[in-house]
Protein backbone atom coordinates (compact mmCIF):
# COMPACT_ATOMS: atom_id res chain seq x y z
CA MET A 1 42.45 -70.04 -6.48
CA THR A 2 41.81 -66.67 -4.79
CA ASN A 3 39.36 -66.41 -1.94
CA ALA A 4 36.14 -64.60 -2.75
CA ALA A 5 35.74 -61.11 -1.25
CA PRO A 6 33.69 -60.85 1.94
CA ALA A 7 30.10 -60.07 1.24
CA LEU A 8 28.41 -56.83 2.16
CA ARG A 9 25.12 -57.71 3.69
CA LEU A 10 22.68 -55.60 5.61
CA HIS A 11 21.07 -57.62 8.32
CA PRO A 12 17.25 -56.89 8.46
CA ASP A 13 17.47 -56.61 12.26
CA ARG A 14 20.47 -54.37 12.51
CA LEU A 15 20.37 -52.09 15.52
CA LEU A 16 17.32 -53.81 16.95
CA PRO A 17 17.50 -55.26 20.48
CA PRO A 18 19.14 -58.67 20.73
CA GLU A 19 16.66 -60.14 23.19
CA PRO A 20 14.21 -62.27 21.05
CA GLY A 21 11.06 -61.05 22.73
CA VAL A 22 11.98 -57.39 22.63
CA ARG A 23 13.33 -57.73 19.06
CA ALA A 24 10.00 -59.14 17.91
CA ILE A 25 8.17 -56.00 19.24
CA ALA A 26 10.79 -53.72 17.79
CA ARG A 27 10.38 -55.32 14.39
CA ARG A 28 6.64 -54.54 14.47
CA LEU A 29 7.28 -50.94 15.48
CA TYR A 30 9.96 -50.55 12.89
CA GLU A 31 7.69 -52.00 10.16
CA ALA A 32 5.09 -49.30 11.02
CA VAL A 33 7.54 -46.48 10.20
CA ARG A 34 10.13 -47.98 7.79
CA ASP A 35 8.67 -46.67 4.58
CA LEU A 36 7.21 -43.40 5.76
CA PRO A 37 8.32 -40.26 3.89
CA ILE A 38 11.34 -38.39 5.11
CA LEU A 39 10.91 -34.96 6.71
CA SER A 40 14.31 -33.23 6.83
CA PRO A 41 13.81 -29.93 8.66
CA HIS A 42 17.58 -29.17 9.06
CA GLY A 43 20.42 -29.93 6.65
CA HIS A 44 22.98 -28.59 4.37
CA VAL A 45 22.28 -29.92 0.89
CA ASP A 46 22.80 -27.28 -1.90
CA PRO A 47 19.36 -26.53 -3.57
CA ARG A 48 21.17 -26.10 -6.80
CA LEU A 49 21.79 -29.79 -6.81
CA LEU A 50 18.10 -30.43 -7.39
CA LEU A 51 17.61 -27.41 -9.52
CA HIS A 52 20.21 -28.38 -12.11
CA ASP A 53 19.68 -32.15 -11.70
CA GLU A 54 23.03 -32.96 -13.29
CA PRO A 55 24.52 -36.48 -12.92
CA PHE A 56 26.92 -36.85 -9.98
CA ALA A 57 30.51 -36.74 -11.28
CA ASP A 58 32.04 -39.90 -9.63
CA PRO A 59 31.83 -42.01 -6.51
CA ALA A 60 34.56 -40.12 -4.67
CA SER A 61 33.20 -36.61 -5.12
CA LEU A 62 29.62 -37.89 -4.03
CA LEU A 63 30.53 -40.10 -1.09
CA VAL A 64 34.03 -39.14 0.18
CA THR A 65 35.43 -35.70 -0.57
CA PRO A 66 32.63 -33.45 0.65
CA ASP A 67 31.74 -35.43 3.72
CA HIS A 68 33.77 -34.44 6.77
CA TYR A 69 32.28 -37.38 8.73
CA VAL A 70 34.18 -39.57 6.24
CA THR A 71 37.40 -37.59 5.74
CA ARG A 72 38.27 -36.83 9.33
CA LEU A 73 38.81 -40.44 10.34
CA LEU A 74 40.97 -40.95 7.32
CA HIS A 75 42.89 -37.82 8.13
CA ALA A 76 43.35 -39.18 11.72
CA SER A 77 44.71 -42.37 10.10
CA GLY A 78 47.44 -40.42 8.34
CA VAL A 79 45.72 -39.67 4.98
CA PRO A 80 46.19 -35.99 4.06
CA LEU A 81 42.97 -34.11 3.18
CA ASP A 82 44.41 -33.08 -0.21
CA ALA A 83 44.92 -36.74 -1.07
CA LEU A 84 41.10 -37.08 -0.48
CA GLY A 85 40.35 -34.35 -2.92
CA VAL A 86 39.40 -31.80 -0.22
CA GLY A 87 39.77 -28.21 -1.57
CA ARG A 88 40.80 -29.34 -5.00
CA GLY A 89 37.65 -28.87 -7.02
CA GLN A 90 36.57 -31.37 -9.70
CA LEU A 91 38.92 -34.41 -9.79
CA ALA A 92 40.11 -36.24 -12.84
CA GLU A 93 38.90 -39.75 -13.16
CA ALA A 94 42.23 -41.21 -12.13
CA GLU A 95 42.43 -38.97 -9.06
CA ALA A 96 38.83 -39.77 -8.09
CA ARG A 97 39.56 -43.45 -8.30
CA GLU A 98 42.64 -43.06 -6.04
CA VAL A 99 40.52 -41.17 -3.48
CA TRP A 100 38.04 -44.13 -3.55
CA ARG A 101 40.90 -46.55 -3.04
CA LEU A 102 42.03 -44.71 0.00
CA LEU A 103 38.57 -45.04 1.51
CA CYS A 104 38.31 -48.76 0.79
CA SER A 105 41.83 -49.57 1.93
CA HIS A 106 41.13 -47.96 5.27
CA TRP A 107 37.68 -49.48 5.71
CA ASP A 108 38.67 -50.98 9.01
CA VAL A 109 38.92 -47.52 10.75
CA TYR A 110 35.11 -47.13 10.46
CA ARG A 111 34.36 -50.29 12.43
CA GLY A 112 31.72 -49.56 15.11
CA THR A 113 30.94 -46.03 13.80
CA PRO A 114 27.69 -44.67 12.31
CA VAL A 115 29.76 -43.62 9.36
CA ARG A 116 30.21 -47.25 8.40
CA TYR A 117 26.55 -47.86 8.98
CA TRP A 118 25.59 -45.03 6.60
CA LEU A 119 28.15 -45.95 3.96
CA GLU A 120 27.19 -49.55 3.91
CA ALA A 121 23.51 -48.70 3.60
CA GLU A 122 24.34 -46.25 0.75
CA LEU A 123 26.43 -48.81 -1.16
CA ALA A 124 24.10 -51.74 -0.65
CA GLU A 125 20.65 -50.09 -0.89
CA ILE A 126 21.31 -47.39 -3.39
CA PHE A 127 24.07 -48.81 -5.64
CA GLU A 128 23.49 -52.64 -5.09
CA VAL A 129 27.15 -53.20 -3.99
CA SER A 130 27.43 -56.72 -2.53
CA VAL A 131 31.07 -56.98 -1.53
CA ARG A 132 32.77 -55.31 1.47
CA PRO A 133 35.05 -52.39 0.61
CA SER A 134 38.79 -53.21 0.75
CA ALA A 135 41.89 -52.50 -1.14
CA GLN A 136 41.14 -55.53 -3.30
CA THR A 137 37.52 -54.62 -4.12
CA ALA A 138 37.97 -50.78 -4.43
CA ASP A 139 38.19 -50.65 -8.24
CA ALA A 140 35.28 -53.03 -8.74
CA ILE A 141 33.05 -51.09 -6.40
CA TYR A 142 34.15 -47.80 -7.96
CA ASP A 143 33.17 -49.11 -11.39
CA GLN A 144 29.77 -50.34 -10.22
CA VAL A 145 28.90 -47.10 -8.43
CA ALA A 146 30.17 -45.05 -11.44
CA ASP A 147 28.09 -47.16 -13.77
CA ARG A 148 24.94 -46.46 -11.75
CA LEU A 149 25.71 -42.74 -11.48
CA ALA A 150 25.64 -42.51 -15.35
CA LYS A 151 21.95 -43.66 -15.32
CA ASP A 152 19.06 -41.22 -15.14
CA GLY A 153 17.62 -43.05 -12.14
CA TYR A 154 20.56 -41.85 -10.11
CA ARG A 155 20.28 -38.15 -10.81
CA PRO A 156 19.42 -35.99 -7.71
CA ARG A 157 15.71 -35.59 -8.57
CA ALA A 158 15.24 -39.32 -9.16
CA LEU A 159 16.98 -40.08 -5.91
CA TYR A 160 14.79 -37.48 -4.09
CA GLU A 161 11.74 -39.44 -5.20
CA ARG A 162 13.37 -42.88 -4.40
CA PHE A 163 14.39 -41.61 -0.94
CA ARG A 164 10.78 -40.66 -0.31
CA ILE A 165 11.82 -37.14 0.82
CA GLN A 166 8.78 -35.00 1.42
CA VAL A 167 10.50 -31.91 2.82
CA LEU A 168 14.15 -30.89 2.56
CA ALA A 169 15.50 -27.87 4.38
CA THR A 170 18.62 -26.18 3.32
CA THR A 171 20.81 -23.72 5.19
CA ASP A 172 21.26 -20.30 3.70
CA ASP A 173 22.95 -16.95 4.16
CA PRO A 174 20.63 -14.00 4.98
CA CYS A 175 21.84 -12.20 1.85
CA ASP A 176 21.15 -15.13 -0.46
CA ASP A 177 18.63 -14.25 -3.12
CA LEU A 178 17.13 -17.73 -2.88
CA SER A 179 16.94 -17.84 -6.66
CA ALA A 180 17.44 -21.63 -6.70
CA HIS A 181 14.53 -22.14 -4.25
CA ALA A 182 12.36 -19.82 -6.36
CA ALA A 183 13.27 -21.58 -9.59
CA LEU A 184 12.51 -24.98 -8.03
CA ALA A 185 9.10 -23.80 -6.76
CA ALA A 186 8.26 -22.43 -10.20
CA ASP A 187 9.42 -25.51 -12.09
CA PRO A 188 6.39 -27.38 -13.40
CA THR A 189 8.42 -30.64 -13.62
CA TRP A 190 9.39 -30.51 -9.94
CA SER A 191 6.89 -31.70 -7.26
CA GLY A 192 9.24 -31.75 -4.19
CA ARG A 193 9.48 -29.34 -1.42
CA VAL A 194 12.85 -27.62 -0.71
CA ILE A 195 12.76 -24.79 1.80
CA PRO A 196 15.44 -22.36 2.96
CA THR A 197 16.75 -21.76 6.54
CA PHE A 198 17.79 -18.40 7.76
CA ARG A 199 21.50 -18.70 9.20
CA PRO A 200 22.60 -15.27 10.39
CA ASP A 201 25.68 -16.35 12.52
CA ARG A 202 28.28 -14.22 10.79
CA TYR A 203 26.08 -11.08 10.95
CA LEU A 204 25.73 -11.57 14.76
CA GLU A 205 29.51 -11.88 15.46
CA PRO A 206 31.04 -8.44 15.32
CA GLY A 207 34.36 -9.81 16.72
CA GLN A 208 34.89 -12.13 13.77
CA PRO A 209 36.78 -11.24 10.54
CA GLY A 210 34.52 -10.26 7.78
CA TRP A 211 31.72 -8.88 9.93
CA ARG A 212 31.99 -5.29 8.52
CA ASP A 213 31.81 -6.54 4.98
CA ALA A 214 28.79 -8.66 5.94
CA VAL A 215 26.98 -5.62 7.42
CA THR A 216 27.69 -3.71 4.15
CA ARG A 217 26.41 -6.52 2.09
CA LEU A 218 23.28 -6.77 4.24
CA ALA A 219 22.51 -3.06 3.58
CA GLU A 220 22.81 -3.62 -0.19
CA VAL A 221 20.54 -6.65 -0.31
CA ALA A 222 17.97 -5.35 2.13
CA ASP A 223 18.14 -1.80 0.58
CA LEU A 224 18.32 -0.34 4.06
CA ASP A 225 21.05 1.77 5.85
CA THR A 226 22.98 -0.40 8.23
CA GLY A 227 25.22 2.45 9.37
CA ASP A 228 23.65 2.41 12.78
CA TYR A 229 22.26 -0.30 15.11
CA ALA A 230 18.62 0.36 14.49
CA GLY A 231 19.13 0.14 10.70
CA PHE A 232 21.01 -3.03 11.09
CA VAL A 233 18.13 -4.56 13.14
CA ARG A 234 15.59 -3.47 10.50
CA ALA A 235 17.70 -5.04 7.76
CA LEU A 236 17.83 -8.35 9.55
CA GLU A 237 14.11 -8.23 10.05
CA ALA A 238 13.58 -7.49 6.46
CA ARG A 239 15.70 -10.41 5.27
CA ARG A 240 13.82 -12.76 7.67
CA HIS A 241 10.53 -11.67 6.03
CA TYR A 242 12.08 -12.35 2.65
CA PHE A 243 12.92 -15.89 3.77
CA VAL A 244 9.44 -16.42 5.11
CA ALA A 245 7.98 -15.33 1.79
CA HIS A 246 10.16 -18.02 0.14
CA GLY A 247 9.01 -20.78 2.38
CA ALA A 248 11.39 -20.70 5.30
CA VAL A 249 10.15 -22.17 8.53
CA SER A 250 13.22 -21.79 10.77
CA ALA A 251 16.19 -19.70 11.67
CA ASP A 252 19.31 -21.59 12.75
CA HIS A 253 22.02 -20.30 15.08
CA SER A 254 25.39 -21.82 16.02
CA HIS A 255 27.59 -19.84 18.39
CA VAL A 256 30.08 -20.91 21.03
CA ASP A 257 27.49 -20.36 23.81
CA VAL A 258 23.91 -19.46 24.03
CA ARG A 259 24.04 -16.63 26.59
CA THR A 260 21.22 -14.11 25.86
CA ASP A 261 22.07 -11.28 28.26
CA PRO A 262 20.26 -8.07 27.22
CA LEU A 263 21.88 -4.74 26.55
CA GLU A 264 20.28 -1.34 26.99
CA PRO A 265 19.45 0.09 23.49
CA ALA A 266 22.02 2.87 23.86
CA GLU A 267 24.68 0.35 24.97
CA ALA A 268 23.95 -1.88 21.93
CA ALA A 269 24.09 1.04 19.59
CA GLY A 270 27.40 2.17 21.08
CA ILE A 271 29.02 -1.27 20.68
CA PHE A 272 27.71 -1.56 17.12
CA ARG A 273 29.31 1.84 16.23
CA ALA A 274 32.57 0.78 17.77
CA ALA A 275 32.50 -2.49 15.89
CA LEU A 276 31.95 -0.74 12.59
CA ALA A 277 34.99 1.37 13.36
CA SER A 278 37.00 -1.72 14.39
CA GLU A 279 37.21 -0.30 17.89
CA ALA A 280 35.07 -2.74 19.88
CA THR A 281 36.82 -4.75 22.58
CA GLU A 282 36.49 -8.60 22.46
CA ALA A 283 34.22 -8.51 25.57
CA ALA A 284 32.06 -5.85 24.02
CA ALA A 285 31.69 -7.81 20.73
CA VAL A 286 30.68 -10.91 22.56
CA ALA A 287 28.10 -8.91 24.62
CA LEU A 288 26.59 -7.59 21.49
CA ARG A 289 26.44 -11.06 19.95
CA ARG A 290 24.66 -12.42 23.00
CA HIS A 291 22.22 -9.43 22.91
CA LEU A 292 21.51 -10.12 19.21
CA LEU A 293 20.74 -13.69 19.88
CA LEU A 294 18.07 -12.44 22.26
CA GLU A 295 16.87 -10.16 19.48
CA MET A 296 16.55 -13.21 17.18
CA ALA A 297 14.11 -14.65 19.60
CA ARG A 298 12.10 -11.49 19.67
CA MET A 299 12.03 -11.65 15.81
CA SER A 300 10.94 -15.27 15.87
CA CYS A 301 8.09 -14.29 18.14
CA ASP A 302 7.10 -11.70 15.49
CA ASP A 303 7.58 -13.59 12.25
CA GLY A 304 7.05 -17.23 13.40
CA LEU A 305 10.36 -18.71 12.38
CA VAL A 306 11.31 -21.63 14.54
CA MET A 307 14.53 -20.80 16.46
CA THR A 308 17.01 -23.56 16.50
CA LEU A 309 20.29 -23.39 18.51
CA HIS A 310 23.29 -25.54 17.64
CA PRO A 311 25.89 -24.32 20.09
CA GLY A 312 29.14 -25.49 21.73
CA VAL A 313 31.51 -26.15 18.85
CA ARG A 314 35.03 -24.71 18.50
CA ARG A 315 35.12 -24.13 14.75
CA GLY A 316 38.38 -24.50 12.87
CA HIS A 317 40.19 -26.10 15.81
CA HIS A 318 43.28 -26.73 13.70
CA GLY A 319 44.34 -23.43 12.30
CA PRO A 320 46.67 -24.69 9.52
CA THR A 321 43.91 -26.97 8.20
CA ALA A 322 41.39 -24.16 8.27
CA ALA A 323 43.81 -21.88 6.41
CA ALA A 324 44.48 -24.50 3.78
CA PHE A 325 41.08 -26.10 3.30
CA GLY A 326 38.52 -23.79 4.82
CA PRO A 327 35.60 -24.51 7.11
CA ASP A 328 33.66 -27.78 7.48
CA THR A 329 36.67 -29.98 6.83
CA GLY A 330 36.53 -32.21 9.85
CA HIS A 331 38.39 -30.33 12.64
CA ASP A 332 35.45 -28.63 14.42
CA ILE A 333 35.55 -29.93 18.07
CA PRO A 334 32.79 -29.83 20.73
CA ILE A 335 33.12 -27.86 23.93
CA ARG A 336 31.12 -27.70 27.18
CA VAL A 337 28.08 -25.58 27.07
CA GLU A 338 25.62 -24.23 29.71
CA PHE A 339 21.95 -23.62 29.04
CA THR A 340 20.00 -22.96 32.23
CA ASP A 341 21.34 -19.58 33.16
CA ALA A 342 22.45 -18.61 29.57
CA LEU A 343 18.82 -18.82 28.29
CA ARG A 344 17.05 -17.42 31.30
CA PRO A 345 16.80 -13.87 29.94
CA LEU A 346 15.37 -15.22 26.68
CA LEU A 347 12.96 -17.56 28.46
CA GLU A 348 11.81 -14.99 30.94
CA ARG A 349 10.77 -12.75 28.09
CA TYR A 350 9.48 -15.20 25.52
CA GLY A 351 9.34 -18.65 27.18
CA THR A 352 5.59 -18.76 27.09
CA HIS A 353 5.06 -16.76 23.90
CA PRO A 354 2.53 -18.64 21.74
CA ASN A 355 4.47 -17.95 18.48
CA LEU A 356 7.96 -19.19 19.54
CA HIS A 357 9.29 -22.63 19.05
CA LEU A 358 12.79 -22.95 20.38
CA VAL A 359 14.72 -26.14 19.58
CA LEU A 360 17.92 -26.76 21.57
CA PHE A 361 20.72 -29.06 20.28
CA THR A 362 23.89 -29.99 22.09
CA LEU A 363 27.11 -31.86 21.65
CA ASP A 364 27.55 -31.93 25.42
CA GLU A 365 25.60 -35.04 26.65
CA THR A 366 25.88 -33.96 30.26
CA VAL A 367 23.23 -31.37 29.69
CA PHE A 368 20.48 -33.62 28.42
CA SER A 369 19.15 -34.69 31.84
CA ARG A 370 20.50 -31.85 33.89
CA GLU A 371 19.34 -28.88 31.84
CA LEU A 372 17.58 -29.54 28.52
CA ALA A 373 14.99 -32.01 29.65
CA PRO A 374 13.95 -29.97 32.69
CA LEU A 375 13.70 -26.85 30.60
CA ALA A 376 11.64 -28.52 27.94
CA GLY A 377 9.52 -30.13 30.67
CA PHE A 378 8.37 -26.66 31.81
CA TYR A 379 8.49 -24.18 29.01
CA PRO A 380 5.87 -24.57 26.32
CA THR A 381 8.08 -22.91 23.75
CA MET A 382 10.96 -25.38 24.15
CA TYR A 383 11.94 -28.65 22.63
CA VAL A 384 15.03 -30.84 22.98
CA GLY A 385 16.79 -31.39 19.67
CA VAL A 386 17.69 -34.98 18.90
CA PRO A 387 21.38 -35.96 18.91
CA TRP A 388 23.40 -34.05 16.44
CA TRP A 389 26.76 -34.28 14.65
CA PHE A 390 29.17 -36.28 16.92
CA LEU A 391 26.21 -37.75 18.81
CA ASP A 392 24.01 -38.94 15.88
CA ALA A 393 25.10 -42.56 16.64
CA PRO A 394 23.23 -45.59 17.99
CA GLU A 395 24.46 -45.63 21.57
CA ALA A 396 24.36 -41.74 21.91
CA THR A 397 20.77 -41.89 20.71
CA ARG A 398 19.89 -44.49 23.29
CA ARG A 399 21.52 -42.46 25.97
CA PHE A 400 19.56 -39.44 24.75
CA ARG A 401 16.22 -41.19 25.10
CA ALA A 402 17.16 -42.51 28.58
CA ALA A 403 18.26 -39.04 29.71
CA VAL A 404 15.39 -37.02 28.27
CA THR A 405 12.27 -39.16 28.25
CA GLU A 406 11.77 -39.55 32.00
CA THR A 407 11.55 -35.72 32.46
CA ALA A 408 10.22 -34.40 29.12
CA GLY A 409 8.66 -37.49 27.49
CA PHE A 410 8.69 -37.87 23.73
CA SER A 411 6.44 -34.91 22.79
CA ARG A 412 9.01 -32.36 23.94
CA THR A 413 11.66 -33.59 21.47
CA SER A 414 12.23 -32.44 17.90
CA GLY A 415 11.97 -35.41 15.71
CA PHE A 416 15.02 -36.55 13.73
CA VAL A 417 17.19 -34.03 11.86
CA ASP A 418 19.99 -35.44 9.54
CA ASP A 419 22.12 -32.25 9.45
CA THR A 420 24.00 -33.45 6.40
CA ARG A 421 25.67 -32.27 3.26
CA ALA A 422 26.02 -35.90 2.13
CA TYR A 423 22.88 -36.29 0.01
CA CYS A 424 22.90 -40.04 -0.29
CA SER A 425 23.25 -40.54 3.43
CA ILE A 426 19.92 -38.99 4.11
CA PRO A 427 17.77 -42.23 4.03
CA ALA A 428 20.43 -44.18 5.96
CA ARG A 429 20.41 -41.58 8.70
CA HIS A 430 16.68 -41.48 9.03
CA ASP A 431 16.52 -45.27 8.93
CA MET A 432 19.02 -45.52 11.77
CA SER A 433 16.91 -43.19 13.86
CA ARG A 434 13.76 -45.22 13.21
CA ARG A 435 15.43 -48.43 14.15
CA ILE A 436 16.86 -47.06 17.49
CA ASP A 437 13.60 -45.50 18.47
CA ALA A 438 11.75 -48.72 17.67
CA GLY A 439 14.18 -50.60 19.86
CA TRP A 440 13.78 -48.11 22.61
CA LEU A 441 10.05 -48.16 22.56
CA ALA A 442 10.00 -51.96 22.33
CA GLN A 443 11.88 -52.10 25.63
CA LEU A 444 9.24 -49.93 27.27
CA VAL A 445 6.57 -52.34 25.97
CA ALA A 446 8.54 -55.36 27.21
CA GLU A 447 8.78 -53.66 30.69
CA HIS A 448 5.01 -53.12 30.58
CA ARG A 449 5.57 -49.29 30.75
CA LEU A 450 3.72 -48.80 27.47
CA ASP A 451 1.13 -50.81 25.60
CA GLU A 452 2.16 -51.69 22.12
CA ASP A 453 -0.55 -49.49 20.43
CA GLU A 454 0.86 -46.54 22.41
CA ALA A 455 4.39 -47.41 21.33
CA THR A 456 3.24 -47.60 17.72
CA GLU A 457 1.61 -44.12 17.93
CA THR A 458 4.77 -42.75 19.49
CA ALA A 459 6.95 -44.26 16.72
CA LEU A 460 4.78 -42.79 14.10
CA ASP A 461 4.69 -39.34 15.89
CA LEU A 462 8.50 -39.21 16.14
CA VAL A 463 8.74 -39.61 12.38
CA THR A 464 5.89 -37.48 11.22
CA GLY A 465 4.19 -35.64 13.99
CA ARG A 466 7.14 -34.13 15.88
CA PRO A 467 8.97 -32.58 12.89
CA ARG A 468 5.68 -31.24 11.50
CA GLU A 469 4.57 -29.65 14.74
CA VAL A 470 7.94 -28.49 16.05
CA PHE A 471 9.18 -27.08 12.70
CA LYS A 472 5.81 -25.79 11.68
CA LEU A 473 5.76 -27.80 8.48
């Protein structure tokens, strides 16, 4: 007789504090927010997913192949990315099943990680899987998930409703015509809200490959001459206004640093000309990018787009993998980043402007208490973004609250952002945040630093009030 496979069970008190008295408070706080709608003001889901509403192809292409959170640990465990379907397009059924087997047979590498938390929640709560993934259970789980994906209730729009998503922000190139967003907004059968986000990084990096082609494309789409610096700035402004007209509320920026040193107009124009001629030095290109980030803040003061900064990542750290599989395939690595002096030019100009909301994210935990919380504790424009990417994990989130709250409180933080391409992980990610914050607030109540009614108000505000106010929803 074979032994039964270990069960996959989600404990109702997962992530809540272990001490019984504090846990009881945390349960009550969590219950107050557990079923609230999801506001997702920053993420990377393709809007065409909801526009076309086609069934998901298979479990592997939904939960494994496109999710670099999942694939990077498998790669570190010796599984080649091509064996996981990365960069290979639509897989045949046998290939998809083999990808799924690789995930399940390496289930142990996810122990203690948020990735395991999210995947377990997706499998159990969305697809009713009741056995733990393993080499022995892989095929049975694959069949069960595939069976569900064939049903209408598991199409993207049905899941949007089931997930209780109220707002979903995408991330979009400034030259995108936003036709998918427009078609969704005009569809009488669609009642959700999917909004674009202006992401101009590649247009602000004259030292990067492809920049001149991007400037040419910007001219075509904006119908403005970008042959000089002034025309280039006007074209960016025009595209921002186009995004605002299509529902955008924020502009997102992700560079190696957040320096905002200004250039004189003639100096900026000269570097721009040199960059168009491929004659700008590396230092000059960086100087222009930093100046353009300052210009983005000026534009946000004019058009009202929230300015979010996601700096401090060395993109494509492994050149051979980048060449073979492209970006966002698991080998972007955090680096140190400095904010206090880097942002001073921006904050001296616009730090008290009534129309600017500036949200600062980091992958460098050392700056939470040293720089970000003190900045947000003074400047009315500034908010500290919640833990992101490598930090969106239970212990890192608790460290974030400890580092930030004493200086900036809760009101100067952003509310949760899921920052994901993995559509089915959205509810699991938001649930994790709600549980961790409930536990953190419960500890404050247990220490008699907050009354429970205040903690409940704060828990509700972190889920609904902060994202609505900070992201102007």
